């Protein structure tokens, strides 16, 4: 994930309803939830939730698919993982206990980790 994408993601998550939607969809799993069910869980109108879902989808944090007459939304786990990895890229600074892992576990301080500078 590059810095531009991370900024878009953080901007999308900086609103209370959108953060709650992402957390709800992470819990829902890959099968996701229909837009109406999300609106009901969040206690907001369908038009309001549509606005928030559009922003989250634009940021790449959720995905949408059509099932019959419903739009079903799911967390974009790869993008969310990329955002966490972006945050933790320089986390250890020589101190693996930051993440509660040891160097022998191959934690974030290991040289064998993923290339975090790649563009998503």
C-alpha atoms as a PDB file:
ATOM      1  CA  UNK A   1       0.000   0.000   0.000  1.00  0.00           C
ATOM      2  CA  UNK A   2       1.367   3.390  -0.913  1.00  0.00           C
ATOM      3  CA  UNK A   3       0.968   6.587   1.077  1.00  0.00           C
ATOM      4  CA  UNK A   4      -1.770   7.991  -1.182  1.00  0.00           C
ATOM      5  CA  UNK A   5      -3.920   4.877  -0.731  1.00  0.00           C
ATOM      6  CA  UNK A   6      -3.278   4.889   3.020  1.00  0.00           C
ATOM      7  CA  UNK A   7      -4.420   8.509   3.235  1.00  0.00           C
ATOM      8  CA  UNK A   8      -7.636   7.680   1.355  1.00  0.00           C
ATOM      9  CA  UNK A   9      -8.235   4.753   3.697  1.00  0.00           C
ATOM     10  CA  UNK A  10      -7.638   6.786   6.828  1.00  0.00           C
ATOM     11  CA  UNK A  11      -9.905   9.562   5.542  1.00  0.00           C
ATOM     12  CA  UNK A  12     -12.689   7.050   4.919  1.00  0.00           C
ATOM     13  CA  UNK A  13     -12.251   5.522   8.387  1.00  0.00           C
ATOM     14  CA  UNK A  14     -12.170   8.869  10.167  1.00  0.00           C
ATOM     15  CA  UNK A  15     -15.953   9.010  10.381  1.00  0.00           C
ATOM     16  CA  UNK A  16     -17.779   7.158  13.168  1.00  0.00           C
ATOM     17  CA  UNK A  17     -20.406   5.375  11.055  1.00  0.00           C
ATOM     18  CA  UNK A  18     -17.882   4.258   8.427  1.00  0.00           C
ATOM     19  CA  UNK A  19     -15.524   2.872  11.054  1.00  0.00           C
ATOM     20  CA  UNK A  20     -18.446   0.994  12.620  1.00  0.00           C
ATOM     21  CA  UNK A  21     -19.458  -0.363   9.195  1.00  0.00           C
ATOM     22  CA  UNK A  22     -15.967  -1.713   8.521  1.00  0.00           C
ATOM     23  CA  UNK A  23     -15.795  -3.331  11.948  1.00  0.00           C
ATOM     24  CA  UNK A  24     -19.241  -4.879  11.400  1.00  0.00           C
ATOM     25  CA  UNK A  25     -18.235  -6.240   7.991  1.00  0.00           C
ATOM     26  CA  UNK A  26     -14.991  -7.695   9.359  1.00  0.00           C
ATOM     27  CA  UNK A  27     -17.060  -9.585  11.932  1.00  0.00           C
ATOM     28  CA  UNK A  28     -19.608 -10.643   9.290  1.00  0.00           C
ATOM     29  CA  UNK A  29     -16.897 -12.470   7.363  1.00  0.00           C
ATOM     30  CA  UNK A  30     -16.480 -13.008   3.627  1.00  0.00           C
ATOM     31  CA  UNK A  31     -20.209 -13.578   3.083  1.00  0.00           C
ATOM     32  CA  UNK A  32     -20.804  -9.943   4.045  1.00  0.00           C
ATOM     33  CA  UNK A  33     -24.100  -8.187   4.664  1.00  0.00           C
ATOM     34  CA  UNK A  34     -26.768  -6.625   2.500  1.00  0.00           C
ATOM     35  CA  UNK A  35     -26.902  -2.825   2.513  1.00  0.00           C
ATOM     36  CA  UNK A  36     -30.288  -2.869   4.255  1.00  0.00           C
ATOM     37  CA  UNK A  37     -28.974  -5.073   7.043  1.00  0.00           C
ATOM     38  CA  UNK A  38     -26.002  -2.749   7.510  1.00  0.00           C
ATOM     39  CA  UNK A  39     -28.305   0.289   7.683  1.00  0.00           C
ATOM     40  CA  UNK A  40     -30.438  -1.473  10.281  1.00  0.00           C
ATOM     41  CA  UNK A  41     -27.421  -2.470  12.398  1.00  0.00           C
ATOM     42  CA  UNK A  42     -26.041   1.081  12.248  1.00  0.00           C
ATOM     43  CA  UNK A  43     -29.420   2.655  12.960  1.00  0.00           C
ATOM     44  CA  UNK A  44     -29.264   4.932   9.917  1.00  0.00           C
ATOM     45  CA  UNK A  45     -31.421   5.426   6.829  1.00  0.00           C
ATOM     46  CA  UNK A  46     -30.733   3.481   3.620  1.00  0.00           C
ATOM     47  CA  UNK A  47     -29.702   6.687   1.807  1.00  0.00           C
ATOM     48  CA  UNK A  48     -27.300   7.576   4.616  1.00  0.00           C
ATOM     49  CA  UNK A  49     -25.683   4.137   4.630  1.00  0.00           C
ATOM     50  CA  UNK A  50     -25.369   4.224   0.829  1.00  0.00           C
ATOM     51  CA  UNK A  51     -23.277   7.381   1.118  1.00  0.00           C
ATOM     52  CA  UNK A  52     -20.970   5.768   3.677  1.00  0.00           C
ATOM     53  CA  UNK A  53     -20.691   2.496   1.760  1.00  0.00           C
ATOM     54  CA  UNK A  54     -19.747   4.402  -1.388  1.00  0.00           C
ATOM     55  CA  UNK A  55     -16.950   6.206   0.459  1.00  0.00           C
ATOM     56  CA  UNK A  56     -15.601   2.963   1.914  1.00  0.00           C
ATOM     57  CA  UNK A  57     -15.752   1.233  -1.452  1.00  0.00           C
ATOM     58  CA  UNK A  58     -13.993   4.167  -3.143  1.00  0.00           C
ATOM     59  CA  UNK A  59     -11.211   3.847  -0.561  1.00  0.00           C
ATOM     60  CA  UNK A  60     -10.935   0.126  -1.343  1.00  0.00           C
ATOM     61  CA  UNK A  61     -11.806  -0.997   2.183  1.00  0.00           C
ATOM     62  CA  UNK A  62     -14.976  -2.878   1.252  1.00  0.00           C
ATOM     63  CA  UNK A  63     -16.254  -4.686  -1.813  1.00  0.00           C
ATOM     64  CA  UNK A  64     -19.713  -4.897  -3.295  1.00  0.00           C
ATOM     65  CA  UNK A  65     -21.489  -7.666  -5.157  1.00  0.00           C
ATOM     66  CA  UNK A  66     -25.022  -8.122  -6.362  1.00  0.00           C
ATOM     67  CA  UNK A  67     -27.071 -11.056  -5.090  1.00  0.00           C
ATOM     68  CA  UNK A  68     -30.459 -11.092  -6.732  1.00  0.00           C
ATOM     69  CA  UNK A  69     -31.933  -7.686  -5.906  1.00  0.00           C
ATOM     70  CA  UNK A  70     -29.589  -6.894  -3.032  1.00  0.00           C
ATOM     71  CA  UNK A  71     -26.182  -5.262  -2.886  1.00  0.00           C
ATOM     72  CA  UNK A  72     -23.995  -7.221  -0.487  1.00  0.00           C
ATOM     73  CA  UNK A  73     -20.913  -5.635   1.032  1.00  0.00           C
ATOM     74  CA  UNK A  74     -17.860  -7.391   2.458  1.00  0.00           C
ATOM     75  CA  UNK A  75     -14.683  -6.227   4.118  1.00  0.00           C
ATOM     76  CA  UNK A  76     -11.715  -6.064   1.751  1.00  0.00           C
ATOM     77  CA  UNK A  77      -9.426  -8.057   4.027  1.00  0.00           C
ATOM     78  CA  UNK A  78      -6.361  -7.683   1.808  1.00  0.00           C
ATOM     79  CA  UNK A  79      -6.715  -3.884   1.777  1.00  0.00           C
ATOM     80  CA  UNK A  80      -7.311  -3.755   5.536  1.00  0.00           C
ATOM     81  CA  UNK A  81      -4.278  -5.951   6.106  1.00  0.00           C
ATOM     82  CA  UNK A  82      -2.254  -3.688   3.812  1.00  0.00           C
ATOM     83  CA  UNK A  83      -3.318  -0.663   5.857  1.00  0.00           C
ATOM     84  CA  UNK A  84      -2.204  -2.320   9.093  1.00  0.00           C
ATOM     85  CA  UNK A  85       1.085  -3.334   7.498  1.00  0.00           C
ATOM     86  CA  UNK A  86       1.564   0.240   6.249  1.00  0.00           C
ATOM     87  CA  UNK A  87       1.171   1.470   9.830  1.00  0.00           C
ATOM     88  CA  UNK A  88       3.492  -1.163  11.255  1.00  0.00           C
ATOM     89  CA  UNK A  89       6.171  -0.955   8.537  1.00  0.00           C
ATOM     90  CA  UNK A  90       8.726   0.728  10.774  1.00  0.00           C
ATOM     91  CA  UNK A  91       7.130  -0.381  14.030  1.00  0.00           C
ATOM     92  CA  UNK A  92       9.897  -2.342  15.578  1.00  0.00           C
ATOM     93  CA  UNK A  93      12.785   0.087  15.271  1.00  0.00           C
ATOM     94  CA  UNK A  94      14.885  -2.750  16.673  1.00  0.00           C
ATOM     95  CA  UNK A  95      12.337  -3.551  19.392  1.00  0.00           C
ATOM     96  CA  UNK A  96      10.232  -6.577  18.381  1.00  0.00           C
ATOM     97  CA  UNK A  97       8.334  -6.453  21.665  1.00  0.00           C
ATOM     98  CA  UNK A  98       6.363  -3.568  20.135  1.00  0.00           C
ATOM     99  CA  UNK A  99       4.226  -6.221  18.494  1.00  0.00           C
ATOM    100  CA  UNK A 100       4.724  -8.835  21.169  1.00  0.00           C
ATOM    101  CA  UNK A 101       6.820 -11.019  18.874  1.00  0.00           C
ATOM    102  CA  UNK A 102      10.406 -12.098  19.002  1.00  0.00           C
ATOM    103  CA  UNK A 103      12.893 -11.816  16.186  1.00  0.00           C
ATOM    104  CA  UNK A 104      13.040 -15.608  16.012  1.00  0.00           C
ATOM    105  CA  UNK A 105       9.287 -15.661  15.239  1.00  0.00           C
ATOM    106  CA  UNK A 106       9.958 -13.790  12.019  1.00  0.00           C
ATOM    107  CA  UNK A 107       7.964 -10.777  13.207  1.00  0.00           C
ATOM    108  CA  UNK A 108       8.018  -7.362  11.635  1.00  0.00           C
ATOM    109  CA  UNK A 109      11.715  -6.887  12.369  1.00  0.00           C
ATOM    110  CA  UNK A 110      12.750  -9.838  10.259  1.00  0.00           C
ATOM    111  CA  UNK A 111      14.322  -9.220   6.875  1.00  0.00           C
ATOM    112  CA  UNK A 112      12.162 -11.998   5.428  1.00  0.00           C
ATOM    113  CA  UNK A 113       8.952  -9.970   5.751  1.00  0.00           C
ATOM    114  CA  UNK A 114       6.827  -8.813   2.835  1.00  0.00           C
ATOM    115  CA  UNK A 115       7.856  -5.893   0.642  1.00  0.00           C
ATOM    116  CA  UNK A 116       5.773  -3.125   2.198  1.00  0.00           C
ATOM    117  CA  UNK A 117       6.838  -0.515  -0.308  1.00  0.00           C
ATOM    118  CA  UNK A 118       4.938  -2.144  -3.138  1.00  0.00           C
ATOM    119  CA  UNK A 119       2.021  -0.238  -4.577  1.00  0.00           C
ATOM    120  CA  UNK A 120      -1.408  -1.772  -4.112  1.00  0.00           C
END
